[in-house]
Amino acid sequence: MAIHFRTFNFPANNFEEVTTLLRDNHHVNGQNFWVHIEPAVEEGQVHSSSIFWRMFSSRGPVVPKFTWVPSYDRKEQTVPAQVGLTHPVGTQAVKRLREFNVHIPTSWTLNQDHPKRGIVISLPEAYSQDEVVQFAVSSLQILSPFEFDGNFVASVTV
């Protein structure tokens, strides 16, 4: 079965459409729904590294990507909503976020801060969707190795 996406652009200061997606899909019946957010950049704007650098580097992809997955039921248990963030920063991405005053809320659980696989955070049962998207756009701006105009692309499974 092919996965189909709907994509749309949004500015960092107006993310109501993304927040509504998160709110309307806060719990789903299966593992087949997610939302990706990444900087809106043209393919030629970002230098892509060689395949050797990507294979042997301890860093993630050049273009950072934020992913939100809603909670869902599996084997009569609820798997909590999670967010992930792949980035090219390498080690200590969470420390870098803190240095720029972007903090992971205390009710969120940091599961992973890996230089190549990225950051993975579990969300509590009740959380603010606005806070999730604000964390996404702030983090992407800080962890991006290139300048961009503050616009983002969201991709959502349909």
N, C-alpha and C. Protein backbone atom coordinates (compact mmCIF):
# COMPACT_ATOMS: atom_id res chain seq x y z
N MET A 1 0.84 -1.18 0.00
CA MET A 1 0.00 0.00 0.00
C MET A 1 0.88 1.24 0.00
N ALA A 2 0.68 2.11 -0.96
CA ALA A 2 1.45 3.34 -1.06
C ALA A 2 0.96 4.36 -0.05
N ILE A 3 1.89 5.13 0.48
CA ILE A 3 1.54 6.18 1.42
C ILE A 3 1.45 7.48 0.63
N HIS A 4 0.37 8.19 0.82
CA HIS A 4 0.16 9.45 0.12
C HIS A 4 0.26 10.60 1.11
N PHE A 5 0.82 11.71 0.64
CA PHE A 5 1.03 12.88 1.48
C PHE A 5 0.28 14.08 0.92
N ARG A 6 -0.09 14.95 1.82
CA ARG A 6 -0.56 16.28 1.45
C ARG A 6 0.46 17.24 2.05
N THR A 7 0.96 18.14 1.26
CA THR A 7 1.94 19.10 1.75
C THR A 7 1.39 20.52 1.63
N PHE A 8 1.83 21.35 2.54
CA PHE A 8 1.46 22.77 2.49
C PHE A 8 2.53 23.58 3.20
N ASN A 9 2.65 24.83 2.81
CA ASN A 9 3.61 25.75 3.43
C ASN A 9 2.93 26.57 4.51
N PHE A 10 3.74 26.99 5.48
CA PHE A 10 3.23 27.89 6.50
C PHE A 10 4.40 28.68 7.09
N PRO A 11 4.13 29.91 7.56
CA PRO A 11 5.19 30.71 8.19
C PRO A 11 5.29 30.37 9.68
N ALA A 12 6.44 30.66 10.27
CA ALA A 12 6.68 30.34 11.68
C ALA A 12 5.71 31.04 12.61
N ASN A 13 5.15 32.14 12.19
CA ASN A 13 4.25 32.89 13.08
C ASN A 13 2.77 32.61 12.84
N ASN A 14 2.45 31.64 11.96
CA ASN A 14 1.05 31.30 11.70
C ASN A 14 0.95 29.80 11.39
N PHE A 15 0.85 29.00 12.44
CA PHE A 15 0.85 27.55 12.26
C PHE A 15 -0.46 26.91 12.71
N GLU A 16 -1.54 27.65 12.62
CA GLU A 16 -2.84 27.14 13.07
C GLU A 16 -3.26 25.88 12.32
N GLU A 17 -2.98 25.80 11.03
CA GLU A 17 -3.37 24.62 10.25
C GLU A 17 -2.67 23.36 10.78
N VAL A 18 -1.40 23.49 11.15
CA VAL A 18 -0.66 22.35 11.69
C VAL A 18 -1.21 21.99 13.08
N THR A 19 -1.45 22.98 13.90
CA THR A 19 -2.00 22.74 15.23
C THR A 19 -3.34 22.03 15.14
N THR A 20 -4.17 22.42 14.21
CA THR A 20 -5.47 21.78 14.02
C THR A 20 -5.29 20.32 13.61
N LEU A 21 -4.33 20.03 12.75
CA LEU A 21 -4.04 18.64 12.37
C LEU A 21 -3.69 17.80 13.59
N LEU A 22 -2.83 18.32 14.44
CA LEU A 22 -2.42 17.60 15.64
C LEU A 22 -3.61 17.39 16.58
N ARG A 23 -4.40 18.43 16.74
CA ARG A 23 -5.55 18.35 17.65
C ARG A 23 -6.59 17.36 17.12
N ASP A 24 -6.86 17.38 15.82
CA ASP A 24 -7.88 16.51 15.24
C ASP A 24 -7.44 15.05 15.17
N ASN A 25 -6.16 14.79 15.26
CA ASN A 25 -5.63 13.43 15.14
C ASN A 25 -4.80 13.04 16.36
N HIS A 26 -5.15 13.54 17.53
CA HIS A 26 -4.34 13.30 18.73
C HIS A 26 -4.24 11.83 19.12
N HIS A 27 -5.21 11.01 18.69
CA HIS A 27 -5.17 9.57 18.94
C HIS A 27 -5.76 8.87 17.71
N VAL A 28 -5.02 7.90 17.17
CA VAL A 28 -5.48 7.20 15.97
C VAL A 28 -5.52 5.71 16.25
N ASN A 29 -6.15 4.97 15.36
CA ASN A 29 -6.32 3.53 15.55
C ASN A 29 -5.11 2.71 15.10
N GLY A 30 -4.24 3.26 14.32
CA GLY A 30 -3.08 2.52 13.84
C GLY A 30 -1.86 3.41 13.76
N GLN A 31 -0.74 2.83 13.35
CA GLN A 31 0.51 3.56 13.27
C GLN A 31 0.72 4.22 11.92
N ASN A 32 -0.31 4.61 11.23
CA ASN A 32 -0.15 5.08 9.87
C ASN A 32 -0.42 6.57 9.69
N PHE A 33 -0.25 7.36 10.72
CA PHE A 33 -0.47 8.80 10.60
C PHE A 33 0.70 9.54 11.25
N TRP A 34 1.23 10.55 10.55
CA TRP A 34 2.26 11.40 11.13
C TRP A 34 2.28 12.72 10.38
N VAL A 35 2.95 13.68 10.98
CA VAL A 35 3.13 15.00 10.38
C VAL A 35 4.62 15.31 10.41
N HIS A 36 5.18 15.66 9.25
CA HIS A 36 6.57 16.10 9.14
C HIS A 36 6.57 17.61 8.95
N ILE A 37 7.53 18.28 9.58
CA ILE A 37 7.73 19.72 9.38
C ILE A 37 9.21 19.92 9.10
N GLU A 38 9.50 20.68 8.06
CA GLU A 38 10.89 20.99 7.74
C GLU A 38 10.98 22.38 7.12
N PRO A 39 12.18 22.97 7.12
CA PRO A 39 12.33 24.29 6.50
C PRO A 39 11.94 24.25 5.03
N ALA A 40 11.31 25.31 4.56
CA ALA A 40 10.95 25.41 3.14
C ALA A 40 12.16 25.94 2.39
N VAL A 41 12.91 25.02 1.80
CA VAL A 41 14.08 25.40 1.02
C VAL A 41 14.03 24.70 -0.32
N GLU A 42 14.58 25.36 -1.30
CA GLU A 42 14.68 24.76 -2.63
C GLU A 42 15.85 23.79 -2.64
N GLU A 43 15.78 22.81 -3.50
CA GLU A 43 16.80 21.77 -3.55
C GLU A 43 18.21 22.34 -3.76
N GLY A 44 18.36 23.34 -4.58
CA GLY A 44 19.67 23.92 -4.85
C GLY A 44 20.20 24.84 -3.76
N GLN A 45 19.36 25.23 -2.79
CA GLN A 45 19.78 26.13 -1.73
C GLN A 45 20.67 25.46 -0.69
N VAL A 46 20.58 24.16 -0.58
CA VAL A 46 21.28 23.45 0.48
C VAL A 46 22.35 22.57 -0.13
N HIS A 47 23.56 22.69 0.38
CA HIS A 47 24.66 21.85 -0.09
C HIS A 47 24.43 20.42 0.39
N SER A 48 24.41 19.48 -0.53
CA SER A 48 24.28 18.08 -0.13
C SER A 48 25.68 17.48 -0.09
N SER A 49 25.94 16.74 0.94
CA SER A 49 27.27 16.18 1.14
C SER A 49 27.46 14.92 0.30
N SER A 50 28.68 14.45 0.27
CA SER A 50 28.97 13.24 -0.49
C SER A 50 28.42 12.03 0.23
N ILE A 51 28.27 10.95 -0.50
CA ILE A 51 27.75 9.72 0.09
C ILE A 51 28.70 9.20 1.16
N PHE A 52 30.01 9.43 1.01
CA PHE A 52 30.98 8.97 2.01
C PHE A 52 30.80 9.73 3.32
N TRP A 53 30.54 11.04 3.23
CA TRP A 53 30.31 11.83 4.43
C TRP A 53 29.07 11.32 5.15
N ARG A 54 28.01 11.07 4.39
CA ARG A 54 26.77 10.60 5.01
C ARG A 54 26.94 9.23 5.65
N MET A 55 27.74 8.36 5.04
CA MET A 55 27.92 7.00 5.57
C MET A 55 28.73 7.00 6.86
N PHE A 56 29.77 7.81 6.92
CA PHE A 56 30.70 7.73 8.03
C PHE A 56 30.59 8.88 9.03
N SER A 57 29.72 9.80 8.77
CA SER A 57 29.53 10.93 9.68
C SER A 57 28.69 10.52 10.87
N SER A 58 28.90 11.21 11.98
CA SER A 58 28.07 10.96 13.16
C SER A 58 26.95 11.99 13.23
N ARG A 59 26.59 12.56 12.11
CA ARG A 59 25.54 13.58 12.08
C ARG A 59 24.38 13.11 11.22
N GLY A 60 23.23 13.70 11.49
CA GLY A 60 22.03 13.37 10.73
C GLY A 60 21.97 14.12 9.41
N PRO A 61 20.79 14.18 8.80
CA PRO A 61 20.64 14.82 7.48
C PRO A 61 20.90 16.32 7.54
N VAL A 62 21.28 16.90 6.41
CA VAL A 62 21.59 18.33 6.33
C VAL A 62 20.35 19.18 6.61
N VAL A 63 19.22 18.80 6.04
CA VAL A 63 17.98 19.54 6.28
C VAL A 63 17.29 18.90 7.49
N PRO A 64 17.16 19.66 8.59
CA PRO A 64 16.52 19.09 9.78
C PRO A 64 15.04 18.82 9.52
N LYS A 65 14.51 17.81 10.20
CA LYS A 65 13.10 17.45 10.03
C LYS A 65 12.49 17.11 11.38
N PHE A 66 11.32 17.66 11.63
CA PHE A 66 10.56 17.40 12.84
C PHE A 66 9.39 16.48 12.48
N THR A 67 9.15 15.46 13.29
CA THR A 67 8.05 14.53 13.04
C THR A 67 7.22 14.39 14.31
N TRP A 68 5.91 14.46 14.14
CA TRP A 68 4.97 14.22 15.24
C TRP A 68 4.15 12.98 14.89
N VAL A 69 4.04 12.07 15.85
CA VAL A 69 3.25 10.86 15.69
C VAL A 69 2.23 10.85 16.82
N PRO A 70 0.94 10.68 16.52
CA PRO A 70 -0.08 10.68 17.58
C PRO A 70 -0.03 9.41 18.41
N SER A 71 -0.72 9.43 19.52
CA SER A 71 -0.84 8.21 20.32
C SER A 71 -1.74 7.22 19.57
N TYR A 72 -1.54 5.94 19.85
CA TYR A 72 -2.34 4.90 19.21
C TYR A 72 -2.37 3.69 20.13
N ASP A 73 -3.29 2.79 19.87
CA ASP A 73 -3.42 1.57 20.67
C ASP A 73 -2.68 0.43 20.00
N ARG A 74 -1.95 -0.33 20.83
CA ARG A 74 -1.25 -1.52 20.35
C ARG A 74 -1.29 -2.57 21.45
N LYS A 75 -1.86 -3.72 21.12
CA LYS A 75 -1.97 -4.82 22.07
C LYS A 75 -2.59 -4.39 23.39
N GLU A 76 -3.71 -3.71 23.28
CA GLU A 76 -4.50 -3.25 24.41
C GLU A 76 -3.77 -2.26 25.32
N GLN A 77 -2.74 -1.61 24.78
CA GLN A 77 -2.04 -0.56 25.51
C GLN A 77 -1.94 0.67 24.62
N THR A 78 -1.94 1.83 25.24
CA THR A 78 -1.81 3.07 24.50
C THR A 78 -0.35 3.46 24.40
N VAL A 79 0.12 3.62 23.18
CA VAL A 79 1.47 4.11 22.93
C VAL A 79 1.35 5.64 22.89
N PRO A 80 2.14 6.36 23.69
CA PRO A 80 1.99 7.82 23.75
C PRO A 80 2.42 8.50 22.45
N ALA A 81 1.91 9.70 22.26
CA ALA A 81 2.35 10.53 21.13
C ALA A 81 3.83 10.81 21.30
N GLN A 82 4.52 10.92 20.17
CA GLN A 82 5.95 11.20 20.21
C GLN A 82 6.30 12.25 19.17
N VAL A 83 7.40 12.93 19.44
CA VAL A 83 7.98 13.83 18.45
C VAL A 83 9.43 13.41 18.23
N GLY A 84 9.90 13.60 17.01
CA GLY A 84 11.27 13.30 16.67
C GLY A 84 11.86 14.45 15.89
N LEU A 85 13.15 14.59 15.99
CA LEU A 85 13.82 15.69 15.31
C LEU A 85 15.17 15.20 14.81
N THR A 86 15.30 15.02 13.50
CA THR A 86 16.60 14.69 12.92
C THR A 86 17.27 15.99 12.53
N HIS A 87 18.60 16.03 12.68
CA HIS A 87 19.33 17.28 12.51
C HIS A 87 20.79 17.00 12.18
N PRO A 88 21.50 18.00 11.64
CA PRO A 88 22.91 17.81 11.31
C PRO A 88 23.88 18.33 12.37
N VAL A 89 23.39 18.67 13.54
CA VAL A 89 24.21 19.31 14.56
C VAL A 89 25.24 18.37 15.17
N GLY A 90 24.94 17.09 15.23
CA GLY A 90 25.85 16.15 15.86
C GLY A 90 25.49 15.97 17.32
N THR A 91 26.50 15.91 18.17
CA THR A 91 26.25 15.68 19.60
C THR A 91 25.69 16.93 20.28
N GLN A 92 25.00 16.69 21.36
CA GLN A 92 24.51 17.74 22.26
C GLN A 92 23.52 18.71 21.63
N ALA A 93 22.61 18.19 20.85
CA ALA A 93 21.59 19.05 20.23
C ALA A 93 20.67 19.65 21.30
N VAL A 94 20.33 18.86 22.31
CA VAL A 94 19.46 19.38 23.37
C VAL A 94 20.16 20.52 24.11
N LYS A 95 21.45 20.37 24.34
CA LYS A 95 22.22 21.43 25.00
C LYS A 95 22.20 22.70 24.14
N ARG A 96 22.33 22.54 22.83
CA ARG A 96 22.29 23.70 21.92
C ARG A 96 20.92 24.39 21.98
N LEU A 97 19.85 23.60 22.01
CA LEU A 97 18.51 24.19 22.13
C LEU A 97 18.39 25.01 23.41
N ARG A 98 18.88 24.46 24.52
CA ARG A 98 18.81 25.18 25.80
C ARG A 98 19.58 26.49 25.73
N GLU A 99 20.73 26.48 25.06
CA GLU A 99 21.54 27.69 24.94
C GLU A 99 20.78 28.80 24.21
N PHE A 100 19.83 28.42 23.35
CA PHE A 100 19.01 29.38 22.63
C PHE A 100 17.62 29.53 23.27
N ASN A 101 17.51 29.12 24.53
CA ASN A 101 16.27 29.24 25.31
C ASN A 101 15.09 28.48 24.74
N VAL A 102 15.35 27.36 24.11
CA VAL A 102 14.29 26.44 23.69
C VAL A 102 14.40 25.23 24.60
N HIS A 103 13.44 25.09 25.49
CA HIS A 103 13.49 24.04 26.49
C HIS A 103 12.42 22.99 26.22
N ILE A 104 12.76 21.76 26.51
CA ILE A 104 11.79 20.68 26.44
C ILE A 104 10.93 20.80 27.69
N PRO A 105 9.61 20.91 27.54
CA PRO A 105 8.75 21.03 28.72
C PRO A 105 8.99 19.88 29.71
N THR A 106 8.85 20.16 30.98
CA THR A 106 9.16 19.17 32.01
C THR A 106 8.24 17.96 31.96
N SER A 107 7.05 18.10 31.41
CA SER A 107 6.12 16.95 31.33
C SER A 107 6.43 16.04 30.14
N TRP A 108 7.32 16.45 29.24
CA TRP A 108 7.73 15.63 28.11
C TRP A 108 8.90 14.76 28.54
N THR A 109 9.03 13.57 27.97
CA THR A 109 10.10 12.65 28.34
C THR A 109 11.09 12.51 27.19
N LEU A 110 12.33 12.91 27.44
CA LEU A 110 13.39 12.78 26.44
C LEU A 110 13.83 11.32 26.41
N ASN A 111 13.61 10.64 25.29
CA ASN A 111 13.99 9.24 25.13
C ASN A 111 15.35 9.08 24.48
N GLN A 112 15.72 10.04 23.62
CA GLN A 112 16.96 9.88 22.85
C GLN A 112 17.46 11.23 22.39
N ASP A 113 18.77 11.41 22.47
CA ASP A 113 19.45 12.56 21.86
C ASP A 113 20.70 11.99 21.19
N HIS A 114 20.50 11.42 20.01
CA HIS A 114 21.57 10.73 19.30
C HIS A 114 22.05 11.60 18.15
N PRO A 115 23.37 11.70 17.93
CA PRO A 115 23.87 12.58 16.87
C PRO A 115 23.40 12.23 15.47
N LYS A 116 23.20 10.96 15.17
CA LYS A 116 22.79 10.57 13.82
C LYS A 116 21.28 10.31 13.72
N ARG A 117 20.70 9.66 14.73
CA ARG A 117 19.27 9.31 14.68
C ARG A 117 18.37 10.43 15.20
N GLY A 118 18.94 11.40 15.91
CA GLY A 118 18.18 12.57 16.32
C GLY A 118 17.60 12.49 17.72
N ILE A 119 16.67 13.37 17.96
CA ILE A 119 16.01 13.52 19.26
C ILE A 119 14.66 12.83 19.18
N VAL A 120 14.31 12.07 20.22
CA VAL A 120 13.00 11.45 20.32
C VAL A 120 12.44 11.78 21.69
N ILE A 121 11.21 12.28 21.71
CA ILE A 121 10.55 12.71 22.94
C ILE A 121 9.15 12.10 22.99
N SER A 122 8.79 11.52 24.14
CA SER A 122 7.42 11.05 24.36
C SER A 122 6.63 12.17 25.01
N LEU A 123 5.40 12.34 24.55
CA LEU A 123 4.54 13.39 25.09
C LEU A 123 3.59 12.78 26.13
N PRO A 124 3.16 13.59 27.10
CA PRO A 124 2.19 13.08 28.07
C PRO A 124 0.82 12.91 27.43
N GLU A 125 -0.10 12.33 28.15
CA GLU A 125 -1.45 12.11 27.61
C GLU A 125 -2.13 13.43 27.23
N ALA A 126 -1.96 14.44 28.06
CA ALA A 126 -2.53 15.76 27.77
C ALA A 126 -1.36 16.73 27.52
N TYR A 127 -1.35 17.37 26.38
CA TYR A 127 -0.30 18.32 26.03
C TYR A 127 -0.89 19.38 25.10
N SER A 128 -0.18 20.47 24.97
CA SER A 128 -0.61 21.57 24.11
C SER A 128 -0.07 21.37 22.69
N GLN A 129 -0.96 21.28 21.72
CA GLN A 129 -0.53 21.14 20.34
C GLN A 129 0.20 22.40 19.87
N ASP A 130 -0.23 23.56 20.36
CA ASP A 130 0.48 24.80 20.03
C ASP A 130 1.93 24.74 20.51
N GLU A 131 2.12 24.21 21.70
CA GLU A 131 3.46 24.10 22.27
C GLU A 131 4.33 23.15 21.43
N VAL A 132 3.73 22.08 20.92
CA VAL A 132 4.47 21.13 20.08
C VAL A 132 4.94 21.81 18.80
N VAL A 133 4.05 22.52 18.13
CA VAL A 133 4.42 23.16 16.87
C VAL A 133 5.39 24.32 17.11
N GLN A 134 5.21 25.06 18.19
CA GLN A 134 6.16 26.13 18.52
C GLN A 134 7.54 25.54 18.79
N PHE A 135 7.60 24.42 19.49
CA PHE A 135 8.87 23.73 19.73
C PHE A 135 9.49 23.30 18.39
N ALA A 136 8.66 22.81 17.48
CA ALA A 136 9.15 22.36 16.17
C ALA A 136 9.79 23.51 15.39
N VAL A 137 9.07 24.60 15.23
CA VAL A 137 9.60 25.69 14.40
C VAL A 137 10.81 26.35 15.07
N SER A 138 10.80 26.47 16.38
CA SER A 138 11.95 27.05 17.08
C SER A 138 13.17 26.15 16.95
N SER A 139 12.98 24.85 17.16
CA SER A 139 14.08 23.89 17.08
C SER A 139 14.67 23.82 15.69
N LEU A 140 13.82 23.79 14.68
CA LEU A 140 14.30 23.71 13.30
C LEU A 140 15.14 24.93 12.94
N GLN A 141 14.74 26.10 13.41
CA GLN A 141 15.51 27.31 13.12
C GLN A 141 16.87 27.27 13.79
N ILE A 142 16.94 26.72 15.00
CA ILE A 142 18.20 26.68 15.73
C ILE A 142 19.12 25.58 15.21
N LEU A 143 18.56 24.43 14.87
CA LEU A 143 19.38 23.29 14.47
C LEU A 143 19.68 23.25 12.96
N SER A 144 19.17 24.22 12.23
CA SER A 144 19.44 24.27 10.79
C SER A 144 20.84 24.86 10.56
N PRO A 145 21.65 24.22 9.72
CA PRO A 145 22.98 24.75 9.45
C PRO A 145 23.00 25.85 8.38
N PHE A 146 21.85 26.21 7.87
CA PHE A 146 21.76 27.21 6.82
C PHE A 146 20.66 28.20 7.16
N GLU A 147 20.75 29.37 6.58
CA GLU A 147 19.74 30.40 6.75
C GLU A 147 18.54 30.09 5.86
N PHE A 148 17.36 30.34 6.38
CA PHE A 148 16.16 30.26 5.56
C PHE A 148 15.19 31.31 6.05
N ASP A 149 14.15 31.57 5.27
CA ASP A 149 13.29 32.73 5.52
C ASP A 149 12.22 32.53 6.59
N GLY A 150 12.26 31.45 7.36
CA GLY A 150 11.28 31.26 8.43
C GLY A 150 9.99 30.63 7.95
N ASN A 151 9.98 30.13 6.72
CA ASN A 151 8.81 29.41 6.22
C ASN A 151 9.08 27.91 6.28
N PHE A 152 8.01 27.15 6.45
CA PHE A 152 8.13 25.72 6.64
C PHE A 152 7.21 24.98 5.70
N VAL A 153 7.52 23.69 5.51
CA VAL A 153 6.67 22.80 4.74
C VAL A 153 6.21 21.71 5.70
N ALA A 154 4.91 21.48 5.72
CA ALA A 154 4.35 20.38 6.49
C ALA A 154 3.87 19.32 5.53
N SER A 155 4.16 18.06 5.85
CA SER A 155 3.68 16.93 5.08
C SER A 155 2.88 16.06 6.03
N VAL A 156 1.70 15.67 5.60
CA VAL A 156 0.83 14.86 6.44
C VAL A 156 0.32 13.70 5.62
N THR A 157 0.25 12.52 6.25
CA THR A 157 -0.27 11.35 5.55
C THR A 157 -1.77 11.52 5.36
N VAL A 158 -2.25 11.04 4.23
CA VAL A 158 -3.71 11.09 3.95
C VAL A 158 -4.22 9.72 3.60
